[in-house]
Structure formats: C-alpha cells, structure tokens
All heavy atoms as atom14 arrays in JSON, in Angstrom:
{
  "sequence": "DSDPTKLIEIVEIGKQLLITRGALTTFSIANDIAKYFAIIPAMFA",
  "atom14_mask": [
    [1, 1, 1, 1, 1, 1, 1, 1, 0, 0, 0, 0, 0, 0],
    [1, 1, 1, 1, 1, 1, 0, 0, 0, 0, 0, 0, 0, 0],
    [1, 1, 1, 1, 1, 1, 1, 1, 0, 0, 0, 0, 0, 0],
    [1, 1, 1, 1, 1, 1, 1, 0, 0, 0, 0, 0, 0, 0],
    [1, 1, 1, 1, 1, 1, 1, 0, 0, 0, 0, 0, 0, 0],
    [1, 1, 1, 1, 1, 1, 1, 1, 1, 0, 0, 0, 0, 0],
    [1, 1, 1, 1, 1, 1, 1, 1, 0, 0, 0, 0, 0, 0],
    [1, 1, 1, 1, 1, 1, 1, 1, 0, 0, 0, 0, 0, 0],
    [1, 1, 1, 1, 1, 1, 1, 1, 1, 0, 0, 0, 0, 0],
    [1, 1, 1, 1, 1, 1, 1, 1, 0, 0, 0, 0, 0, 0],
    [1, 1, 1, 1, 1, 1, 1, 0, 0, 0, 0, 0, 0, 0],
    [1, 1, 1, 1, 1, 1, 1, 1, 1, 0, 0, 0, 0, 0],
    [1, 1, 1, 1, 1, 1, 1, 1, 0, 0, 0, 0, 0, 0],
    [1, 1, 1, 1, 0, 0, 0, 0, 0, 0, 0, 0, 0, 0],
    [1, 1, 1, 1, 1, 1, 1, 1, 1, 0, 0, 0, 0, 0],
    [1, 1, 1, 1, 1, 1, 1, 1, 1, 0, 0, 0, 0, 0],
    [1, 1, 1, 1, 1, 1, 1, 1, 0, 0, 0, 0, 0, 0],
    [1, 1, 1, 1, 1, 1, 1, 1, 0, 0, 0, 0, 0, 0],
    [1, 1, 1, 1, 1, 1, 1, 1, 0, 0, 0, 0, 0, 0],
    [1, 1, 1, 1, 1, 1, 1, 0, 0, 0, 0, 0, 0, 0],
    [1, 1, 1, 1, 1, 1, 1, 1, 1, 1, 1, 0, 0, 0],
    [1, 1, 1, 1, 0, 0, 0, 0, 0, 0, 0, 0, 0, 0],
    [1, 1, 1, 1, 1, 0, 0, 0, 0, 0, 0, 0, 0, 0],
    [1, 1, 1, 1, 1, 1, 1, 1, 0, 0, 0, 0, 0, 0],
    [1, 1, 1, 1, 1, 1, 1, 0, 0, 0, 0, 0, 0, 0],
    [1, 1, 1, 1, 1, 1, 1, 0, 0, 0, 0, 0, 0, 0],
    [1, 1, 1, 1, 1, 1, 1, 1, 1, 1, 1, 0, 0, 0],
    [1, 1, 1, 1, 1, 1, 0, 0, 0, 0, 0, 0, 0, 0],
    [1, 1, 1, 1, 1, 1, 1, 1, 0, 0, 0, 0, 0, 0],
    [1, 1, 1, 1, 1, 0, 0, 0, 0, 0, 0, 0, 0, 0],
    [1, 1, 1, 1, 1, 1, 1, 1, 0, 0, 0, 0, 0, 0],
    [1, 1, 1, 1, 1, 1, 1, 1, 0, 0, 0, 0, 0, 0],
    [1, 1, 1, 1, 1, 1, 1, 1, 0, 0, 0, 0, 0, 0],
    [1, 1, 1, 1, 1, 0, 0, 0, 0, 0, 0, 0, 0, 0],
    [1, 1, 1, 1, 1, 1, 1, 1, 1, 0, 0, 0, 0, 0],
    [1, 1, 1, 1, 1, 1, 1, 1, 1, 1, 1, 1, 0, 0],
    [1, 1, 1, 1, 1, 1, 1, 1, 1, 1, 1, 0, 0, 0],
    [1, 1, 1, 1, 1, 0, 0, 0, 0, 0, 0, 0, 0, 0],
    [1, 1, 1, 1, 1, 1, 1, 1, 0, 0, 0, 0, 0, 0],
    [1, 1, 1, 1, 1, 1, 1, 1, 0, 0, 0, 0, 0, 0],
    [1, 1, 1, 1, 1, 1, 1, 0, 0, 0, 0, 0, 0, 0],
    [1, 1, 1, 1, 1, 0, 0, 0, 0, 0, 0, 0, 0, 0],
    [1, 1, 1, 1, 1, 1, 1, 1, 0, 0, 0, 0, 0, 0],
    [1, 1, 1, 1, 1, 1, 1, 1, 1, 1, 1, 0, 0, 0],
    [1, 1, 1, 1, 1, 0, 0, 0, 0, 0, 0, 0, 0, 0]
  ],
  "atom14_positions": [
    [[65.09, -60.38, 41.43], [64.26, -61.13, 42.36], [64.12, -62.6, 42.01], [63.6, -63.37, 42.81], [62.85, -60.52, 42.46], [62.89, -59.08, 43.03], [63.77, -58.83, 43.84], [62.0, -58.31, 42.62], [0.0, 0.0, 0.0], [0.0, 0.0, 0.0], [0.0, 0.0, 0.0], [0.0, 0.0, 0.0], [0.0, 0.0, 0.0], [0.0, 0.0, 0.0]],
    [[64.61, -62.96, 40.83], [64.56, -64.35, 40.39], [63.11, -64.89, 40.44], [62.86, -65.98, 40.92], [65.47, -65.26, 41.17], [66.82, -64.84, 41.03], [0.0, 0.0, 0.0], [0.0, 0.0, 0.0], [0.0, 0.0, 0.0], [0.0, 0.0, 0.0], [0.0, 0.0, 0.0], [0.0, 0.0, 0.0], [0.0, 0.0, 0.0], [0.0, 0.0, 0.0]],
    [[62.19, -64.11, 39.94], [60.76, -64.48, 39.89], [60.36, -64.71, 38.47], [60.17, -63.78, 37.69], [59.93, -63.39, 40.53], [58.43, -63.66, 40.44], [58.03, -64.81, 40.09], [57.61, -62.75, 40.73], [0.0, 0.0, 0.0], [0.0, 0.0, 0.0], [0.0, 0.0, 0.0], [0.0, 0.0, 0.0], [0.0, 0.0, 0.0], [0.0, 0.0, 0.0]],
    [[60.22, -65.95, 38.02], [59.95, -66.24, 36.63], [58.62, -65.62, 36.11], [58.53, -65.3, 34.96], [59.89, -67.77, 36.56], [60.68, -68.24, 37.74], [60.39, -67.19, 38.81], [0.0, 0.0, 0.0], [0.0, 0.0, 0.0], [0.0, 0.0, 0.0], [0.0, 0.0, 0.0], [0.0, 0.0, 0.0], [0.0, 0.0, 0.0], [0.0, 0.0, 0.0]],
    [[57.69, -65.46, 37.01], [56.37, -64.89, 36.57], [56.51, -63.4, 36.19], [55.61, -62.87, 35.58], [55.33, -64.99, 37.67], [55.77, -64.28, 38.84], [55.11, -66.45, 38.05], [0.0, 0.0, 0.0], [0.0, 0.0, 0.0], [0.0, 0.0, 0.0], [0.0, 0.0, 0.0], [0.0, 0.0, 0.0], [0.0, 0.0, 0.0], [0.0, 0.0, 0.0]],
    [[57.61, -62.76, 36.55], [57.82, -61.36, 36.2], [57.89, -61.17, 34.7], [57.76, -59.99, 34.26], [59.03, -60.82, 36.93], [59.01, -59.31, 37.06], [60.22, -58.85, 37.85], [60.1, -59.16, 39.32], [61.23, -58.58, 40.09], [0.0, 0.0, 0.0], [0.0, 0.0, 0.0], [0.0, 0.0, 0.0], [0.0, 0.0, 0.0], [0.0, 0.0, 0.0]],
    [[58.16, -62.2, 33.92], [58.21, -62.06, 32.48], [56.9, -61.49, 31.95], [56.9, -60.63, 31.03], [58.47, -63.45, 31.85], [58.53, -63.47, 30.31], [59.57, -62.5, 29.79], [58.81, -64.88, 29.83], [0.0, 0.0, 0.0], [0.0, 0.0, 0.0], [0.0, 0.0, 0.0], [0.0, 0.0, 0.0], [0.0, 0.0, 0.0], [0.0, 0.0, 0.0]],
    [[55.79, -61.87, 32.55], [54.5, -61.31, 32.12], [54.45, -59.82, 32.36], [54.01, -59.03, 31.55], [53.35, -62.04, 32.86], [53.36, -63.55, 32.52], [51.99, -61.4, 32.51], [52.34, -64.34, 33.29], [0.0, 0.0, 0.0], [0.0, 0.0, 0.0], [0.0, 0.0, 0.0], [0.0, 0.0, 0.0], [0.0, 0.0, 0.0], [0.0, 0.0, 0.0]],
    [[54.98, -59.4, 33.54], [54.98, -57.98, 33.89], [55.92, -57.21, 32.99], [55.66, -56.06, 32.58], [55.38, -57.82, 35.36], [55.08, -56.45, 35.94], [55.29, -56.45, 37.43], [55.4, -57.52, 38.04], [55.27, -55.33, 38.0], [0.0, 0.0, 0.0], [0.0, 0.0, 0.0], [0.0, 0.0, 0.0], [0.0, 0.0, 0.0], [0.0, 0.0, 0.0]],
    [[57.05, -57.83, 32.62], [58.01, -57.2, 31.7], [57.32, -56.89, 30.36], [57.55, -55.79, 29.78], [59.27, -58.1, 31.54], [60.06, -58.09, 32.82], [60.12, -57.57, 30.36], [61.21, -59.13, 32.84], [0.0, 0.0, 0.0], [0.0, 0.0, 0.0], [0.0, 0.0, 0.0], [0.0, 0.0, 0.0], [0.0, 0.0, 0.0], [0.0, 0.0, 0.0]],
    [[56.57, -57.84, 29.86], [55.86, -57.62, 28.62], [54.89, -56.44, 28.73], [54.78, -55.62, 27.83], [55.13, -58.91, 28.16], [54.18, -58.64, 26.98], [56.11, -60.0, 27.8], [0.0, 0.0, 0.0], [0.0, 0.0, 0.0], [0.0, 0.0, 0.0], [0.0, 0.0, 0.0], [0.0, 0.0, 0.0], [0.0, 0.0, 0.0], [0.0, 0.0, 0.0]],
    [[54.22, -56.36, 29.86], [53.26, -55.28, 30.06], [54.0, -53.91, 30.11], [53.51, -52.9, 29.61], [52.5, -55.52, 31.35], [51.51, -56.64, 31.27], [50.75, -56.86, 32.54], [51.14, -56.34, 33.6], [49.74, -57.61, 32.54], [0.0, 0.0, 0.0], [0.0, 0.0, 0.0], [0.0, 0.0, 0.0], [0.0, 0.0, 0.0], [0.0, 0.0, 0.0]],
    [[55.15, -53.89, 30.75], [55.96, -52.65, 30.8], [56.41, -52.25, 29.4], [56.38, -51.07, 29.05], [57.16, -52.82, 31.75], [56.66, -52.98, 33.21], [58.1, -51.63, 31.65], [57.77, -53.32, 34.14], [0.0, 0.0, 0.0], [0.0, 0.0, 0.0], [0.0, 0.0, 0.0], [0.0, 0.0, 0.0], [0.0, 0.0, 0.0], [0.0, 0.0, 0.0]],
    [[56.85, -53.24, 28.61], [57.23, -52.95, 27.24], [56.09, -52.38, 26.44], [56.26, -51.42, 25.63], [0.0, 0.0, 0.0], [0.0, 0.0, 0.0], [0.0, 0.0, 0.0], [0.0, 0.0, 0.0], [0.0, 0.0, 0.0], [0.0, 0.0, 0.0], [0.0, 0.0, 0.0], [0.0, 0.0, 0.0], [0.0, 0.0, 0.0], [0.0, 0.0, 0.0]],
    [[54.9, -52.93, 26.59], [53.71, -52.41, 25.83], [53.37, -51.06, 26.36], [52.92, -50.19, 25.61], [52.58, -53.41, 26.0], [52.73, -54.68, 25.18], [51.48, -55.47, 25.08], [51.67, -56.64, 24.12], [51.81, -56.2, 22.71], [0.0, 0.0, 0.0], [0.0, 0.0, 0.0], [0.0, 0.0, 0.0], [0.0, 0.0, 0.0], [0.0, 0.0, 0.0]],
    [[53.53, -50.83, 27.68], [53.22, -49.51, 28.25], [54.15, -48.47, 27.63], [53.75, -47.31, 27.34], [53.37, -49.55, 29.76], [52.93, -48.29, 30.42], [53.19, -48.28, 31.93], [54.24, -48.69, 32.4], [52.18, -47.93, 32.7], [0.0, 0.0, 0.0], [0.0, 0.0, 0.0], [0.0, 0.0, 0.0], [0.0, 0.0, 0.0], [0.0, 0.0, 0.0]],
    [[55.41, -48.84, 27.42], [56.39, -47.89, 26.8], [55.91, -47.52, 25.4], [55.91, -46.35, 25.03], [57.77, -48.54, 26.78], [58.85, -47.83, 25.92], [59.19, -46.46, 26.51], [60.09, -48.66, 25.8], [0.0, 0.0, 0.0], [0.0, 0.0, 0.0], [0.0, 0.0, 0.0], [0.0, 0.0, 0.0], [0.0, 0.0, 0.0], [0.0, 0.0, 0.0]],
    [[55.57, -48.51, 24.6], [55.14, -48.23, 23.22], [53.85, -47.44, 23.22], [53.71, -46.52, 22.37], [54.95, -49.57, 22.48], [56.19, -50.44, 22.31], [55.84, -51.73, 21.6], [57.28, -49.7, 21.55], [0.0, 0.0, 0.0], [0.0, 0.0, 0.0], [0.0, 0.0, 0.0], [0.0, 0.0, 0.0], [0.0, 0.0, 0.0], [0.0, 0.0, 0.0]],
    [[52.9, -47.79, 24.08], [51.65, -47.05, 24.14], [51.89, -45.59, 24.57], [51.24, -44.67, 24.01], [50.66, -47.74, 25.04], [50.2, -49.09, 24.43], [49.46, -46.9, 25.34], [49.42, -49.96, 25.39], [0.0, 0.0, 0.0], [0.0, 0.0, 0.0], [0.0, 0.0, 0.0], [0.0, 0.0, 0.0], [0.0, 0.0, 0.0], [0.0, 0.0, 0.0]],
    [[52.73, -45.36, 25.54], [53.01, -44.01, 25.97], [53.61, -43.19, 24.89], [53.19, -42.02, 24.65], [53.99, -44.07, 27.19], [53.42, -44.82, 28.23], [54.26, -42.66, 27.69], [0.0, 0.0, 0.0], [0.0, 0.0, 0.0], [0.0, 0.0, 0.0], [0.0, 0.0, 0.0], [0.0, 0.0, 0.0], [0.0, 0.0, 0.0], [0.0, 0.0, 0.0]],
    [[54.54, -43.75, 24.16], [55.16, -43.03, 23.05], [54.14, -42.72, 21.96], [54.08, -41.59, 21.47], [56.31, -43.87, 22.45], [57.12, -43.15, 21.4], [58.18, -44.05, 20.85], [59.13, -44.44, 21.84], [59.8, -45.58, 21.8], [59.65, -46.44, 20.79], [60.7, -45.87, 22.73], [0.0, 0.0, 0.0], [0.0, 0.0, 0.0], [0.0, 0.0, 0.0]],
    [[53.29, -43.71, 21.66], [52.27, -43.47, 20.65], [51.21, -42.42, 21.07], [50.81, -41.59, 20.29], [0.0, 0.0, 0.0], [0.0, 0.0, 0.0], [0.0, 0.0, 0.0], [0.0, 0.0, 0.0], [0.0, 0.0, 0.0], [0.0, 0.0, 0.0], [0.0, 0.0, 0.0], [0.0, 0.0, 0.0], [0.0, 0.0, 0.0], [0.0, 0.0, 0.0]],
    [[50.82, -42.51, 22.36], [49.8, -41.6, 22.87], [50.3, -40.17, 22.85], [49.55, -39.25, 22.42], [49.43, -42.01, 24.28], [0.0, 0.0, 0.0], [0.0, 0.0, 0.0], [0.0, 0.0, 0.0], [0.0, 0.0, 0.0], [0.0, 0.0, 0.0], [0.0, 0.0, 0.0], [0.0, 0.0, 0.0], [0.0, 0.0, 0.0], [0.0, 0.0, 0.0]],
    [[51.55, -39.92, 23.3], [52.05, -38.6, 23.34], [52.41, -38.04, 21.94], [52.32, -36.85, 21.68], [53.28, -38.51, 24.24], [52.95, -38.75, 25.74], [54.2, -38.58, 26.62], [51.89, -37.78, 26.2], [0.0, 0.0, 0.0], [0.0, 0.0, 0.0], [0.0, 0.0, 0.0], [0.0, 0.0, 0.0], [0.0, 0.0, 0.0], [0.0, 0.0, 0.0]],
    [[52.76, -38.93, 21.04], [52.94, -38.51, 19.64], [51.63, -38.07, 19.05], [51.53, -37.02, 18.37], [53.54, -39.64, 18.79], [54.79, -40.02, 19.36], [53.74, -39.21, 17.35], [0.0, 0.0, 0.0], [0.0, 0.0, 0.0], [0.0, 0.0, 0.0], [0.0, 0.0, 0.0], [0.0, 0.0, 0.0], [0.0, 0.0, 0.0], [0.0, 0.0, 0.0]],
    [[50.54, -38.84, 19.34], [49.24, -38.47, 18.84], [48.78, -37.12, 19.47], [48.29, -36.25, 18.72], [48.21, -39.52, 19.25], [48.62, -40.78, 18.69], [46.82, -39.2, 18.78], [0.0, 0.0, 0.0], [0.0, 0.0, 0.0], [0.0, 0.0, 0.0], [0.0, 0.0, 0.0], [0.0, 0.0, 0.0], [0.0, 0.0, 0.0], [0.0, 0.0, 0.0]],
    [[49.01, -36.92, 20.73], [48.65, -35.71, 21.41], [49.41, -34.53, 20.83], [48.86, -33.46, 20.59], [48.89, -35.79, 22.91], [48.45, -34.6, 23.7], [47.17, -34.53, 24.19], [49.34, -33.54, 23.93], [46.74, -33.4, 24.89], [48.89, -32.47, 24.65], [47.61, -32.35, 25.11], [0.0, 0.0, 0.0], [0.0, 0.0, 0.0], [0.0, 0.0, 0.0]],
    [[50.73, -34.73, 20.6], [51.58, -33.63, 20.1], [51.08, -33.16, 18.76], [51.01, -31.93, 18.45], [53.03, -34.12, 20.04], [53.86, -33.14, 19.5], [0.0, 0.0, 0.0], [0.0, 0.0, 0.0], [0.0, 0.0, 0.0], [0.0, 0.0, 0.0], [0.0, 0.0, 0.0], [0.0, 0.0, 0.0], [0.0, 0.0, 0.0], [0.0, 0.0, 0.0]],
    [[50.82, -34.1, 17.85], [50.43, -33.72, 16.5], [49.0, -33.12, 16.52], [48.74, -32.08, 15.82], [50.44, -34.95, 15.55], [51.88, -35.45, 15.4], [49.8, -34.66, 14.22], [52.02, -36.74, 14.63], [0.0, 0.0, 0.0], [0.0, 0.0, 0.0], [0.0, 0.0, 0.0], [0.0, 0.0, 0.0], [0.0, 0.0, 0.0], [0.0, 0.0, 0.0]],
    [[48.14, -33.64, 17.4], [46.78, -33.13, 17.49], [46.7, -31.69, 18.01], [45.95, -30.86, 17.53], [45.92, -34.03, 18.33], [0.0, 0.0, 0.0], [0.0, 0.0, 0.0], [0.0, 0.0, 0.0], [0.0, 0.0, 0.0], [0.0, 0.0, 0.0], [0.0, 0.0, 0.0], [0.0, 0.0, 0.0], [0.0, 0.0, 0.0], [0.0, 0.0, 0.0]],
    [[47.54, -31.41, 19.03], [47.44, -30.09, 19.61], [48.03, -28.99, 18.74], [47.88, -27.82, 19.01], [48.02, -30.06, 21.03], [49.53, -30.14, 21.13], [50.26, -29.79, 20.18], [50.03, -30.61, 22.24], [0.0, 0.0, 0.0], [0.0, 0.0, 0.0], [0.0, 0.0, 0.0], [0.0, 0.0, 0.0], [0.0, 0.0, 0.0], [0.0, 0.0, 0.0]],
    [[48.78, -29.35, 17.7], [49.24, -28.37, 16.76], [48.07, -27.75, 16.0], [48.19, -26.58, 15.51], [50.2, -28.98, 15.74], [51.55, -29.3, 16.37], [51.85, -28.73, 17.43], [52.3, -30.09, 15.81], [0.0, 0.0, 0.0], [0.0, 0.0, 0.0], [0.0, 0.0, 0.0], [0.0, 0.0, 0.0], [0.0, 0.0, 0.0], [0.0, 0.0, 0.0]],
    [[46.98, -28.44, 15.88], [45.83, -27.91, 15.14], [45.33, -26.6, 15.76], [45.11, -25.61, 15.04], [44.66, -28.91, 15.12], [45.11, -30.2, 14.34], [43.39, -28.34, 14.48], [44.12, -31.31, 14.39], [0.0, 0.0, 0.0], [0.0, 0.0, 0.0], [0.0, 0.0, 0.0], [0.0, 0.0, 0.0], [0.0, 0.0, 0.0], [0.0, 0.0, 0.0]],
    [[45.2, -26.54, 17.09], [44.74, -25.34, 17.74], [45.73, -24.2, 17.53], [45.35, -23.01, 17.36], [44.49, -25.64, 19.21], [0.0, 0.0, 0.0], [0.0, 0.0, 0.0], [0.0, 0.0, 0.0], [0.0, 0.0, 0.0], [0.0, 0.0, 0.0], [0.0, 0.0, 0.0], [0.0, 0.0, 0.0], [0.0, 0.0, 0.0], [0.0, 0.0, 0.0]],
    [[47.03, -24.55, 17.55], [48.03, -23.49, 17.39], [47.92, -22.86, 15.97], [48.09, -21.63, 15.81], [49.43, -24.08, 17.55], [49.67, -24.71, 18.92], [51.01, -25.37, 18.95], [51.14, -26.34, 20.09], [52.39, -27.11, 20.05], [0.0, 0.0, 0.0], [0.0, 0.0, 0.0], [0.0, 0.0, 0.0], [0.0, 0.0, 0.0], [0.0, 0.0, 0.0]],
    [[47.59, -23.69, 14.97], [47.39, -23.15, 13.63], [46.25, -22.13, 13.61], [46.37, -21.06, 12.99], [47.12, -24.27, 12.59], [48.18, -25.36, 12.56], [47.83, -26.63, 12.07], [49.46, -25.15, 12.96], [48.77, -27.66, 11.98], [50.38, -26.15, 12.89], [50.06, -27.38, 12.42], [50.99, -28.38, 12.36], [0.0, 0.0, 0.0], [0.0, 0.0, 0.0]],
    [[45.19, -22.46, 14.3], [44.02, -21.58, 14.32], [44.33, -20.31, 15.08], [43.66, -19.28, 14.93], [42.81, -22.32, 14.95], [42.06, -23.16, 14.02], [42.33, -24.51, 13.96], [41.09, -22.65, 13.17], [41.66, -25.37, 13.1], [40.42, -23.49, 12.26], [40.68, -24.83, 12.21], [0.0, 0.0, 0.0], [0.0, 0.0, 0.0], [0.0, 0.0, 0.0]],
    [[45.34, -20.37, 15.95], [45.69, -19.13, 16.75], [46.65, -18.28, 16.0], [46.49, -17.05, 15.93], [46.27, -19.57, 18.11], [0.0, 0.0, 0.0], [0.0, 0.0, 0.0], [0.0, 0.0, 0.0], [0.0, 0.0, 0.0], [0.0, 0.0, 0.0], [0.0, 0.0, 0.0], [0.0, 0.0, 0.0], [0.0, 0.0, 0.0], [0.0, 0.0, 0.0]],
    [[47.71, -18.85, 15.48], [48.84, -18.05, 15.01], [48.73, -17.65, 13.51], [49.14, -16.57, 13.14], [50.16, -18.79, 15.31], [51.31, -17.79, 15.33], [50.45, -19.9, 14.31], [52.64, -18.4, 15.91], [0.0, 0.0, 0.0], [0.0, 0.0, 0.0], [0.0, 0.0, 0.0], [0.0, 0.0, 0.0], [0.0, 0.0, 0.0], [0.0, 0.0, 0.0]],
    [[48.18, -18.53, 12.71], [48.12, -18.23, 11.28], [47.16, -17.04, 10.98], [47.52, -16.11, 10.26], [47.72, -19.47, 10.45], [48.9, -20.49, 10.52], [47.4, -19.1, 8.98], [48.63, -21.77, 9.79], [0.0, 0.0, 0.0], [0.0, 0.0, 0.0], [0.0, 0.0, 0.0], [0.0, 0.0, 0.0], [0.0, 0.0, 0.0], [0.0, 0.0, 0.0]],
    [[45.96, -17.03, 11.55], [45.08, -15.81, 11.32], [45.77, -14.55, 11.86], [45.62, -13.49, 11.3], [43.81, -16.13, 12.12], [43.8, -17.62, 12.2], [45.22, -18.07, 12.28], [0.0, 0.0, 0.0], [0.0, 0.0, 0.0], [0.0, 0.0, 0.0], [0.0, 0.0, 0.0], [0.0, 0.0, 0.0], [0.0, 0.0, 0.0], [0.0, 0.0, 0.0]],
    [[46.48, -14.66, 13.0], [47.13, -13.48, 13.58], [48.16, -12.92, 12.62], [48.37, -11.68, 12.56], [47.79, -13.85, 14.91], [0.0, 0.0, 0.0], [0.0, 0.0, 0.0], [0.0, 0.0, 0.0], [0.0, 0.0, 0.0], [0.0, 0.0, 0.0], [0.0, 0.0, 0.0], [0.0, 0.0, 0.0], [0.0, 0.0, 0.0], [0.0, 0.0, 0.0]],
    [[48.86, -13.76, 11.9], [49.93, -13.35, 11.02], [49.41, -12.77, 9.71], [49.93, -11.79, 9.19], [50.9, -14.45, 10.76], [51.75, -14.87, 11.94], [52.96, -16.12, 11.49], [53.94, -15.22, 10.24], [0.0, 0.0, 0.0], [0.0, 0.0, 0.0], [0.0, 0.0, 0.0], [0.0, 0.0, 0.0], [0.0, 0.0, 0.0], [0.0, 0.0, 0.0]],
    [[48.39, -13.39, 9.15], [48.03, -13.11, 7.76], [46.66, -12.45, 7.57], [46.28, -12.1, 6.46], [48.04, -14.4, 6.88], [49.39, -15.07, 6.94], [49.59, -16.27, 7.59], [50.46, -14.53, 6.32], [50.83, -16.93, 7.61], [51.71, -15.15, 6.3], [51.89, -16.35, 6.96], [0.0, 0.0, 0.0], [0.0, 0.0, 0.0], [0.0, 0.0, 0.0]],
    [[45.92, -12.27, 8.66], [44.55, -11.73, 8.55], [44.61, -10.24, 8.02], [43.66, -9.84, 7.32], [43.81, -11.76, 9.88], [0.0, 0.0, 0.0], [0.0, 0.0, 0.0], [0.0, 0.0, 0.0], [0.0, 0.0, 0.0], [0.0, 0.0, 0.0], [0.0, 0.0, 0.0], [0.0, 0.0, 0.0], [0.0, 0.0, 0.0], [0.0, 0.0, 0.0]]
  ]
}
C-alpha cells in the first residue's frame, strides 16, 4: 500500500506474535499441573 505509517502497525504485529507465543507457552506449561494431579495419583495410588 506504500503507507509509511504502517511501520508502527508492523511493530505491533511483531510484538503480538511474540506475546502470543509467550502466552500459549505459559498456558501449556501451566495446564500440565492439573494433568499431574489427575494421572499420577491414578497410576500410583
């Protein structure tokens, strides 16, 4: 589009990419905690 102001939006998209990756990594590691409480007692109780 040859719009120089889009550089600001590009930076926001780049930050959104990093934040999304970090957020879902945090969620993935955190939700493993509940799985441990479910499966480990079932196996070894």
